[in-house]
Amino acid sequence: MQTHLGTTQSRFNQLFPAISSLALLIGGSIFIYAVNPVTTRLIPPCPFLWATNCYCPGCGAARAFHALARGDFSAAMSYNPLLVLALPALGYVYISFLGNEFFGRRLPAPTSLRAWTWLIPVVIVIYWVARNLPWEPFTYLAP
């Protein structure tokens, strides 16, 4: 015999990933709004940049998130354009995840998931190489 409390606890266990990810998203958003990565050491510099003196695909992400949180889209684009351009798609995937977890319904998936599994890594690698090239217009990709 299962009690109501057991059912509630079971539902909470099922929703824990969604609830915790939402709490982390809200907490991280508040933190990145309040803390400027340019002027603080609370957010460490990129270890890849430190070790190789080359930019990784994530270099400038904290500064881009801070600029977006402050409403400065052009600054965010100057720090990490790939991240800023990918945010609507990442948001769509995250909202689909939350919808599935809370309501049992996902948003429609892109038409060809197989194509996306190849396209995303290829774009990231091309971006990684391009942002380290020393010629214009590639220099605009560096943070």
N, C-alpha and C. Protein backbone atom coordinates (compact mmCIF):
# COMPACT_ATOMS: atom_id res chain seq x y z
N MET A 1 0.83 -1.17 0.00
CA MET A 1 0.00 0.00 0.00
C MET A 1 0.88 1.24 0.00
N GLN A 2 0.68 2.10 -0.97
CA GLN A 2 1.49 3.31 -1.08
C GLN A 2 0.70 4.49 -0.54
N THR A 3 1.36 5.26 0.29
CA THR A 3 0.68 6.41 0.88
C THR A 3 0.84 7.62 -0.03
N HIS A 4 0.06 8.63 0.26
CA HIS A 4 0.13 9.88 -0.51
C HIS A 4 1.53 10.51 -0.37
N LEU A 5 2.10 10.43 0.82
CA LEU A 5 3.44 10.97 1.04
C LEU A 5 4.47 10.27 0.17
N GLY A 6 4.35 8.96 0.02
CA GLY A 6 5.26 8.21 -0.84
C GLY A 6 5.14 8.62 -2.29
N THR A 7 3.93 8.90 -2.76
CA THR A 7 3.70 9.34 -4.13
C THR A 7 4.30 10.72 -4.34
N THR A 8 4.12 11.60 -3.36
CA THR A 8 4.68 12.95 -3.45
C THR A 8 6.20 12.89 -3.49
N GLN A 9 6.79 12.05 -2.64
CA GLN A 9 8.24 11.91 -2.61
C GLN A 9 8.76 11.33 -3.92
N SER A 10 8.04 10.36 -4.48
CA SER A 10 8.44 9.77 -5.75
C SER A 10 8.39 10.81 -6.87
N ARG A 11 7.34 11.64 -6.89
CA ARG A 11 7.21 12.69 -7.92
C ARG A 11 8.34 13.71 -7.77
N PHE A 12 8.68 14.07 -6.50
CA PHE A 12 9.79 15.00 -6.28
C PHE A 12 11.09 14.40 -6.80
N ASN A 13 11.32 13.13 -6.56
CA ASN A 13 12.55 12.48 -7.06
C ASN A 13 12.61 12.51 -8.58
N GLN A 14 11.45 12.36 -9.23
CA GLN A 14 11.41 12.43 -10.69
C GLN A 14 11.70 13.84 -11.18
N LEU A 15 11.21 14.84 -10.44
CA LEU A 15 11.37 16.23 -10.87
C LEU A 15 12.66 16.86 -10.39
N PHE A 16 13.41 16.17 -9.54
CA PHE A 16 14.62 16.77 -8.97
C PHE A 16 15.60 17.30 -10.01
N PRO A 17 15.89 16.57 -11.10
CA PRO A 17 16.81 17.14 -12.11
C PRO A 17 16.30 18.46 -12.70
N ALA A 18 15.01 18.52 -12.99
CA ALA A 18 14.46 19.74 -13.57
C ALA A 18 14.46 20.88 -12.55
N ILE A 19 14.06 20.59 -11.32
CA ILE A 19 14.02 21.62 -10.28
C ILE A 19 15.42 22.12 -9.97
N SER A 20 16.37 21.22 -9.83
CA SER A 20 17.75 21.64 -9.51
C SER A 20 18.38 22.41 -10.67
N SER A 21 18.11 21.99 -11.92
CA SER A 21 18.67 22.73 -13.05
C SER A 21 18.07 24.12 -13.15
N LEU A 22 16.79 24.25 -12.84
CA LEU A 22 16.14 25.56 -12.84
C LEU A 22 16.71 26.45 -11.73
N ALA A 23 16.93 25.87 -10.55
CA ALA A 23 17.53 26.63 -9.45
C ALA A 23 18.95 27.07 -9.80
N LEU A 24 19.73 26.20 -10.43
CA LEU A 24 21.08 26.56 -10.85
C LEU A 24 21.06 27.65 -11.92
N LEU A 25 20.12 27.57 -12.84
CA LEU A 25 20.00 28.59 -13.88
C LEU A 25 19.67 29.95 -13.27
N ILE A 26 18.72 29.98 -12.35
CA ILE A 26 18.35 31.24 -11.71
C ILE A 26 19.50 31.77 -10.86
N GLY A 27 20.11 30.90 -10.06
CA GLY A 27 21.23 31.33 -9.22
C GLY A 27 22.42 31.79 -10.05
N GLY A 28 22.72 31.06 -11.11
CA GLY A 28 23.82 31.45 -11.99
C GLY A 28 23.54 32.76 -12.70
N SER A 29 22.29 32.98 -13.07
CA SER A 29 21.93 34.24 -13.73
C SER A 29 22.10 35.43 -12.79
N ILE A 30 21.66 35.25 -11.55
CA ILE A 30 21.83 36.32 -10.56
C ILE A 30 23.31 36.58 -10.31
N PHE A 31 24.09 35.52 -10.18
CA PHE A 31 25.53 35.66 -9.94
C PHE A 31 26.21 36.38 -11.10
N ILE A 32 25.93 35.96 -12.33
CA ILE A 32 26.63 36.55 -13.48
C ILE A 32 26.16 37.97 -13.72
N TYR A 33 24.95 38.31 -13.30
CA TYR A 33 24.48 39.69 -13.39
C TYR A 33 25.26 40.57 -12.40
N ALA A 34 25.47 40.04 -11.19
CA ALA A 34 26.08 40.83 -10.11
C ALA A 34 27.60 40.90 -10.20
N VAL A 35 28.22 39.88 -10.75
CA VAL A 35 29.68 39.79 -10.74
C VAL A 35 30.21 40.02 -12.16
N ASN A 36 31.02 41.04 -12.31
CA ASN A 36 31.61 41.34 -13.62
C ASN A 36 32.89 40.51 -13.80
N PRO A 37 32.91 39.58 -14.75
CA PRO A 37 34.09 38.74 -14.94
C PRO A 37 35.34 39.51 -15.34
N VAL A 38 35.17 40.71 -15.87
CA VAL A 38 36.32 41.52 -16.29
C VAL A 38 37.06 42.08 -15.08
N THR A 39 36.34 42.39 -14.01
CA THR A 39 36.94 43.09 -12.87
C THR A 39 37.12 42.23 -11.63
N THR A 40 36.77 40.94 -11.68
CA THR A 40 36.87 40.10 -10.49
C THR A 40 37.68 38.84 -10.77
N ARG A 41 38.15 38.24 -9.70
CA ARG A 41 38.84 36.94 -9.80
C ARG A 41 37.94 35.80 -9.34
N LEU A 42 36.65 36.08 -9.06
CA LEU A 42 35.72 35.02 -8.67
C LEU A 42 35.50 34.03 -9.80
N ILE A 43 35.60 34.53 -11.02
CA ILE A 43 35.48 33.66 -12.20
C ILE A 43 36.89 33.51 -12.77
N PRO A 44 37.46 32.32 -12.70
CA PRO A 44 38.85 32.15 -13.14
C PRO A 44 39.00 32.32 -14.64
N PRO A 45 40.18 32.71 -15.08
CA PRO A 45 40.43 32.81 -16.53
C PRO A 45 40.46 31.42 -17.15
N CYS A 46 40.33 31.39 -18.45
CA CYS A 46 40.30 30.12 -19.19
C CYS A 46 41.63 29.38 -19.03
N PRO A 47 41.60 28.14 -18.56
CA PRO A 47 42.85 27.37 -18.42
C PRO A 47 43.46 27.01 -19.78
N PHE A 48 42.62 26.82 -20.79
CA PHE A 48 43.14 26.52 -22.13
C PHE A 48 43.91 27.71 -22.68
N LEU A 49 43.36 28.91 -22.51
CA LEU A 49 44.05 30.12 -22.95
C LEU A 49 45.36 30.30 -22.19
N TRP A 50 45.33 30.05 -20.91
CA TRP A 50 46.53 30.19 -20.08
C TRP A 50 47.62 29.21 -20.54
N ALA A 51 47.21 27.97 -20.85
CA ALA A 51 48.19 26.94 -21.20
C ALA A 51 48.69 27.05 -22.64
N THR A 52 47.86 27.53 -23.55
CA THR A 52 48.22 27.48 -24.97
C THR A 52 48.32 28.86 -25.64
N ASN A 53 47.81 29.87 -24.98
CA ASN A 53 47.71 31.21 -25.55
C ASN A 53 46.82 31.23 -26.81
N CYS A 54 45.90 30.27 -26.87
CA CYS A 54 44.90 30.21 -27.94
C CYS A 54 43.52 30.22 -27.31
N TYR A 55 42.57 30.79 -28.05
CA TYR A 55 41.20 30.85 -27.55
C TYR A 55 40.47 29.55 -27.80
N CYS A 56 39.72 29.09 -26.81
CA CYS A 56 38.86 27.92 -26.99
C CYS A 56 37.46 28.41 -27.40
N PRO A 57 36.56 27.53 -27.78
CA PRO A 57 35.22 27.97 -28.17
C PRO A 57 34.46 28.65 -27.03
N GLY A 58 34.84 28.38 -25.80
CA GLY A 58 34.14 28.97 -24.66
C GLY A 58 34.75 30.26 -24.15
N CYS A 59 35.92 30.63 -24.64
CA CYS A 59 36.57 31.85 -24.17
C CYS A 59 35.64 33.05 -24.38
N GLY A 60 35.48 33.83 -23.34
CA GLY A 60 34.61 35.00 -23.40
C GLY A 60 33.17 34.70 -23.02
N ALA A 61 32.86 33.44 -22.69
CA ALA A 61 31.47 33.08 -22.37
C ALA A 61 30.97 33.79 -21.12
N ALA A 62 31.76 33.83 -20.06
CA ALA A 62 31.32 34.50 -18.83
C ALA A 62 31.09 35.98 -19.09
N ARG A 63 31.99 36.60 -19.83
CA ARG A 63 31.82 38.03 -20.16
C ARG A 63 30.60 38.23 -21.05
N ALA A 64 30.35 37.30 -21.97
CA ALA A 64 29.17 37.40 -22.84
C ALA A 64 27.88 37.25 -22.03
N PHE A 65 27.85 36.29 -21.11
CA PHE A 65 26.67 36.13 -20.27
C PHE A 65 26.43 37.37 -19.41
N HIS A 66 27.51 37.93 -18.86
CA HIS A 66 27.38 39.14 -18.05
C HIS A 66 26.83 40.28 -18.89
N ALA A 67 27.34 40.45 -20.09
CA ALA A 67 26.86 41.51 -20.97
C ALA A 67 25.39 41.29 -21.33
N LEU A 68 25.00 40.06 -21.60
CA LEU A 68 23.60 39.77 -21.91
C LEU A 68 22.70 40.04 -20.72
N ALA A 69 23.16 39.65 -19.53
CA ALA A 69 22.37 39.90 -18.33
C ALA A 69 22.18 41.40 -18.10
N ARG A 70 23.12 42.19 -18.52
CA ARG A 70 23.04 43.65 -18.40
C ARG A 70 22.36 44.30 -19.60
N GLY A 71 21.98 43.48 -20.60
CA GLY A 71 21.28 44.00 -21.77
C GLY A 71 22.16 44.56 -22.86
N ASP A 72 23.44 44.24 -22.82
CA ASP A 72 24.38 44.76 -23.82
C ASP A 72 24.68 43.67 -24.85
N PHE A 73 23.81 43.58 -25.85
CA PHE A 73 23.91 42.53 -26.86
C PHE A 73 25.18 42.67 -27.69
N SER A 74 25.55 43.89 -28.06
CA SER A 74 26.72 44.06 -28.92
C SER A 74 28.00 43.66 -28.19
N ALA A 75 28.10 43.96 -26.91
CA ALA A 75 29.28 43.53 -26.14
C ALA A 75 29.31 42.01 -26.04
N ALA A 76 28.15 41.40 -25.82
CA ALA A 76 28.08 39.94 -25.74
C ALA A 76 28.55 39.31 -27.04
N MET A 77 28.13 39.89 -28.17
CA MET A 77 28.57 39.38 -29.47
C MET A 77 30.07 39.54 -29.66
N SER A 78 30.64 40.58 -29.10
CA SER A 78 32.09 40.78 -29.26
C SER A 78 32.89 39.79 -28.41
N TYR A 79 32.31 39.29 -27.32
CA TYR A 79 33.02 38.34 -26.45
C TYR A 79 32.93 36.90 -26.97
N ASN A 80 31.73 36.47 -27.40
CA ASN A 80 31.59 35.10 -27.88
C ASN A 80 30.36 35.01 -28.79
N PRO A 81 30.52 35.34 -30.07
CA PRO A 81 29.37 35.36 -30.97
C PRO A 81 28.69 34.01 -31.16
N LEU A 82 29.45 32.94 -31.17
CA LEU A 82 28.84 31.62 -31.36
C LEU A 82 27.90 31.30 -30.20
N LEU A 83 28.31 31.57 -28.99
CA LEU A 83 27.47 31.31 -27.83
C LEU A 83 26.18 32.13 -27.90
N VAL A 84 26.31 33.42 -28.20
CA VAL A 84 25.14 34.30 -28.26
C VAL A 84 24.17 33.82 -29.35
N LEU A 85 24.69 33.43 -30.49
CA LEU A 85 23.84 32.96 -31.57
C LEU A 85 23.21 31.60 -31.28
N ALA A 86 23.88 30.80 -30.45
CA ALA A 86 23.36 29.48 -30.10
C ALA A 86 22.34 29.52 -28.96
N LEU A 87 22.27 30.61 -28.22
CA LEU A 87 21.39 30.66 -27.05
C LEU A 87 19.91 30.40 -27.37
N PRO A 88 19.34 30.93 -28.45
CA PRO A 88 17.93 30.59 -28.72
C PRO A 88 17.72 29.08 -28.89
N ALA A 89 18.62 28.41 -29.58
CA ALA A 89 18.48 26.95 -29.75
C ALA A 89 18.67 26.23 -28.42
N LEU A 90 19.65 26.66 -27.63
CA LEU A 90 19.86 26.05 -26.31
C LEU A 90 18.65 26.28 -25.41
N GLY A 91 18.08 27.48 -25.48
CA GLY A 91 16.88 27.78 -24.71
C GLY A 91 15.71 26.90 -25.12
N TYR A 92 15.56 26.67 -26.41
CA TYR A 92 14.49 25.81 -26.93
C TYR A 92 14.64 24.38 -26.39
N VAL A 93 15.86 23.88 -26.43
CA VAL A 93 16.12 22.53 -25.93
C VAL A 93 15.83 22.45 -24.43
N TYR A 94 16.23 23.48 -23.68
CA TYR A 94 16.02 23.49 -22.23
C TYR A 94 14.53 23.58 -21.90
N ILE A 95 13.80 24.43 -22.60
CA ILE A 95 12.36 24.55 -22.36
C ILE A 95 11.65 23.24 -22.72
N SER A 96 12.12 22.58 -23.76
CA SER A 96 11.57 21.27 -24.12
C SER A 96 11.82 20.26 -23.01
N PHE A 97 13.03 20.28 -22.43
CA PHE A 97 13.36 19.40 -21.31
C PHE A 97 12.44 19.67 -20.11
N LEU A 98 12.28 20.96 -19.76
CA LEU A 98 11.42 21.30 -18.62
C LEU A 98 9.97 20.90 -18.89
N GLY A 99 9.50 21.14 -20.11
CA GLY A 99 8.13 20.76 -20.45
C GLY A 99 7.90 19.27 -20.32
N ASN A 100 8.89 18.49 -20.73
CA ASN A 100 8.79 17.03 -20.60
C ASN A 100 8.80 16.61 -19.14
N GLU A 101 9.67 17.20 -18.34
CA GLU A 101 9.79 16.82 -16.94
C GLU A 101 8.55 17.21 -16.14
N PHE A 102 8.05 18.43 -16.34
CA PHE A 102 6.93 18.91 -15.54
C PHE A 102 5.56 18.49 -16.08
N PHE A 103 5.41 18.46 -17.40
CA PHE A 103 4.09 18.23 -17.99
C PHE A 103 4.00 16.99 -18.87
N GLY A 104 5.14 16.33 -19.10
CA GLY A 104 5.14 15.13 -19.93
C GLY A 104 5.00 15.42 -21.41
N ARG A 105 5.31 16.65 -21.82
CA ARG A 105 5.20 17.02 -23.24
C ARG A 105 6.44 17.76 -23.67
N ARG A 106 7.00 17.34 -24.78
CA ARG A 106 8.17 18.01 -25.35
C ARG A 106 7.73 18.93 -26.48
N LEU A 107 8.56 19.92 -26.75
CA LEU A 107 8.37 20.73 -27.93
C LEU A 107 8.78 19.91 -29.15
N PRO A 108 8.28 20.24 -30.33
CA PRO A 108 8.68 19.48 -31.53
C PRO A 108 10.19 19.55 -31.74
N ALA A 109 10.77 18.42 -32.10
CA ALA A 109 12.21 18.33 -32.35
C ALA A 109 12.53 18.85 -33.75
N PRO A 110 13.76 19.31 -33.95
CA PRO A 110 14.17 19.68 -35.32
C PRO A 110 13.97 18.50 -36.26
N THR A 111 13.84 18.79 -37.52
CA THR A 111 13.49 17.75 -38.49
C THR A 111 14.50 16.60 -38.55
N SER A 112 15.78 16.91 -38.54
CA SER A 112 16.78 15.85 -38.68
C SER A 112 17.79 15.93 -37.54
N LEU A 113 17.55 15.15 -36.50
CA LEU A 113 18.48 15.15 -35.37
C LEU A 113 19.84 14.60 -35.75
N ARG A 114 19.87 13.66 -36.69
CA ARG A 114 21.14 13.08 -37.14
C ARG A 114 22.04 14.16 -37.75
N ALA A 115 21.46 15.06 -38.53
CA ALA A 115 22.25 16.14 -39.14
C ALA A 115 22.80 17.06 -38.06
N TRP A 116 22.01 17.36 -37.03
CA TRP A 116 22.47 18.24 -35.96
C TRP A 116 23.62 17.63 -35.18
N THR A 117 23.62 16.31 -35.00
CA THR A 117 24.69 15.68 -34.23
C THR A 117 26.03 15.80 -34.94
N TRP A 118 26.02 15.97 -36.25
CA TRP A 118 27.27 16.20 -36.99
C TRP A 118 27.55 17.68 -37.16
N LEU A 119 26.51 18.47 -37.38
CA LEU A 119 26.68 19.88 -37.66
C LEU A 119 27.24 20.66 -36.47
N ILE A 120 26.74 20.39 -35.29
CA ILE A 120 27.15 21.16 -34.10
C ILE A 120 28.65 21.00 -33.82
N PRO A 121 29.20 19.77 -33.73
CA PRO A 121 30.64 19.67 -33.49
C PRO A 121 31.49 20.27 -34.61
N VAL A 122 31.04 20.15 -35.85
CA VAL A 122 31.80 20.72 -36.97
C VAL A 122 31.84 22.25 -36.85
N VAL A 123 30.71 22.87 -36.56
CA VAL A 123 30.66 24.32 -36.39
C VAL A 123 31.56 24.76 -35.24
N ILE A 124 31.54 24.03 -34.12
CA ILE A 124 32.37 24.39 -32.97
C ILE A 124 33.85 24.31 -33.33
N VAL A 125 34.27 23.27 -34.02
CA VAL A 125 35.69 23.12 -34.39
C VAL A 125 36.10 24.22 -35.37
N ILE A 126 35.25 24.51 -36.36
CA ILE A 126 35.57 25.58 -37.31
C ILE A 126 35.68 26.92 -36.57
N TYR A 127 34.76 27.18 -35.66
CA TYR A 127 34.80 28.41 -34.86
C TYR A 127 36.07 28.47 -34.02
N TRP A 128 36.44 27.35 -33.43
CA TRP A 128 37.64 27.27 -32.59
C TRP A 128 38.88 27.64 -33.40
N VAL A 129 39.01 27.09 -34.57
CA VAL A 129 40.16 27.39 -35.42
C VAL A 129 40.09 28.84 -35.92
N ALA A 130 38.92 29.25 -36.40
CA ALA A 130 38.78 30.58 -37.00
C ALA A 130 39.06 31.70 -36.01
N ARG A 131 38.66 31.55 -34.75
CA ARG A 131 38.87 32.64 -33.79
C ARG A 131 40.33 32.79 -33.37
N ASN A 132 41.17 31.85 -33.77
CA ASN A 132 42.60 31.94 -33.47
C ASN A 132 43.43 32.37 -34.68
N LEU A 133 42.81 32.59 -35.81
CA LEU A 133 43.54 33.05 -36.99
C LEU A 133 43.86 34.54 -36.85
N PRO A 134 45.07 34.94 -37.21
CA PRO A 134 45.49 36.32 -36.95
C PRO A 134 45.09 37.35 -38.01
N TRP A 135 44.18 37.01 -38.94
CA TRP A 135 43.82 37.93 -40.01
C TRP A 135 42.37 38.37 -39.86
N GLU A 136 42.10 39.57 -40.38
CA GLU A 136 40.71 40.01 -40.44
C GLU A 136 39.99 39.20 -41.50
N PRO A 137 38.79 38.84 -41.38
CA PRO A 137 37.81 39.20 -40.35
C PRO A 137 37.82 38.25 -39.15
N PHE A 138 38.73 37.26 -39.15
CA PHE A 138 38.75 36.27 -38.07
C PHE A 138 39.10 36.87 -36.72
N THR A 139 39.88 37.95 -36.73
CA THR A 139 40.25 38.59 -35.46
C THR A 139 39.03 39.11 -34.70
N TYR A 140 37.92 39.34 -35.41
CA TYR A 140 36.70 39.80 -34.74
C TYR A 140 36.05 38.70 -33.90
N LEU A 141 36.44 37.45 -34.14
CA LEU A 141 35.89 36.33 -33.36
C LEU A 141 36.58 36.16 -32.01
N ALA A 142 37.75 36.76 -31.85
CA ALA A 142 38.47 36.64 -30.58
C ALA A 142 37.78 37.51 -29.53
N PRO A 143 37.74 37.04 -28.29
CA PRO A 143 37.09 37.83 -27.24
C PRO A 143 37.84 39.11 -26.91
